């Protein structure tokens, strides 16, 4: 998989979604008080996600 910024191919940093499992300390209603530990990534970034260039805020082209 490779992401490319359409404005500038030298831009190499992007935002996208990954799903992680964390161990939380919670209060009596289940609200997060503190993240104790990130346990694992359940779904890493995917080519089907929207990837956005951090430098110029445009949607990147992603090849799988």
Protein backbone atom coordinates (compact mmCIF):
# COMPACT_ATOMS: atom_id res chain seq x y z
CA UNK A 1 0.00 0.00 0.00
CA UNK A 2 1.28 3.48 -0.82
CA UNK A 3 -0.25 6.93 -0.32
CA UNK A 4 0.71 9.88 -2.52
CA UNK A 5 -0.17 13.54 -2.06
CA UNK A 6 -1.66 14.88 -5.32
CA UNK A 7 -0.24 18.37 -4.61
CA UNK A 8 3.33 17.41 -3.73
CA UNK A 9 4.80 13.89 -3.94
CA UNK A 10 7.47 14.82 -1.36
CA UNK A 11 4.75 14.99 1.34
CA UNK A 12 5.00 11.67 3.19
CA UNK A 13 2.72 12.08 6.26
CA UNK A 14 -1.01 11.37 6.28
CA UNK A 15 -3.93 10.92 8.65
CA UNK A 16 -6.26 7.93 8.38
CA UNK A 17 -8.23 5.61 10.66
CA UNK A 18 -7.02 2.55 12.56
CA UNK A 19 -8.99 0.66 15.21
CA UNK A 20 -7.14 -0.16 18.41
CA UNK A 21 -8.02 -2.09 21.54
CA UNK A 22 -7.13 -0.35 24.80
CA UNK A 23 -7.29 -1.17 28.48
CA UNK A 24 -9.25 1.61 30.18
CA UNK A 25 -9.83 2.74 33.73
CA UNK A 26 -13.53 3.67 33.80
CA UNK A 27 -15.88 5.31 36.27
CA UNK A 28 -19.11 3.77 37.55
CA UNK A 29 -20.99 4.78 34.36
CA UNK A 30 -18.37 3.34 31.97
CA UNK A 31 -16.83 6.67 30.94
CA UNK A 32 -13.09 6.60 30.31
CA UNK A 33 -11.01 8.08 33.12
CA UNK A 34 -7.61 7.06 31.73
CA UNK A 35 -6.18 4.85 29.01
CA UNK A 36 -3.97 2.40 30.88
CA UNK A 37 -2.47 0.56 27.89
CA UNK A 38 -2.90 0.12 24.15
CA UNK A 39 -3.26 -3.64 23.80
CA UNK A 40 -3.25 -4.21 20.06
CA UNK A 41 -4.34 -2.86 16.70
CA UNK A 42 -7.48 -4.72 15.67
CA UNK A 43 -7.73 -3.13 12.19
CA UNK A 44 -4.71 -1.23 10.78
CA UNK A 45 -5.05 1.53 8.15
CA UNK A 46 -6.69 0.28 4.96
CA UNK A 47 -6.42 1.45 1.34
CA UNK A 48 -10.22 1.92 1.34
CA UNK A 49 -10.01 4.55 4.10
CA UNK A 50 -9.73 8.26 3.41
CA UNK A 51 -6.10 9.35 3.74
CA UNK A 52 -5.41 13.08 4.15
CA UNK A 53 -2.07 14.80 3.64
CA UNK A 54 -0.95 16.39 6.91
CA UNK A 55 0.99 19.13 5.11
CA UNK A 56 -1.69 20.45 2.72
CA UNK A 57 -4.95 18.85 3.93
CA UNK A 58 -5.98 17.22 0.63
CA UNK A 59 -7.15 13.67 0.07
CA UNK A 60 -4.29 11.41 -0.95
CA UNK A 61 -4.27 8.80 -3.68
CA UNK A 62 -3.83 5.35 -2.11
CA UNK A 63 -2.69 2.30 -4.07
CA UNK A 64 -3.04 -1.12 -2.49
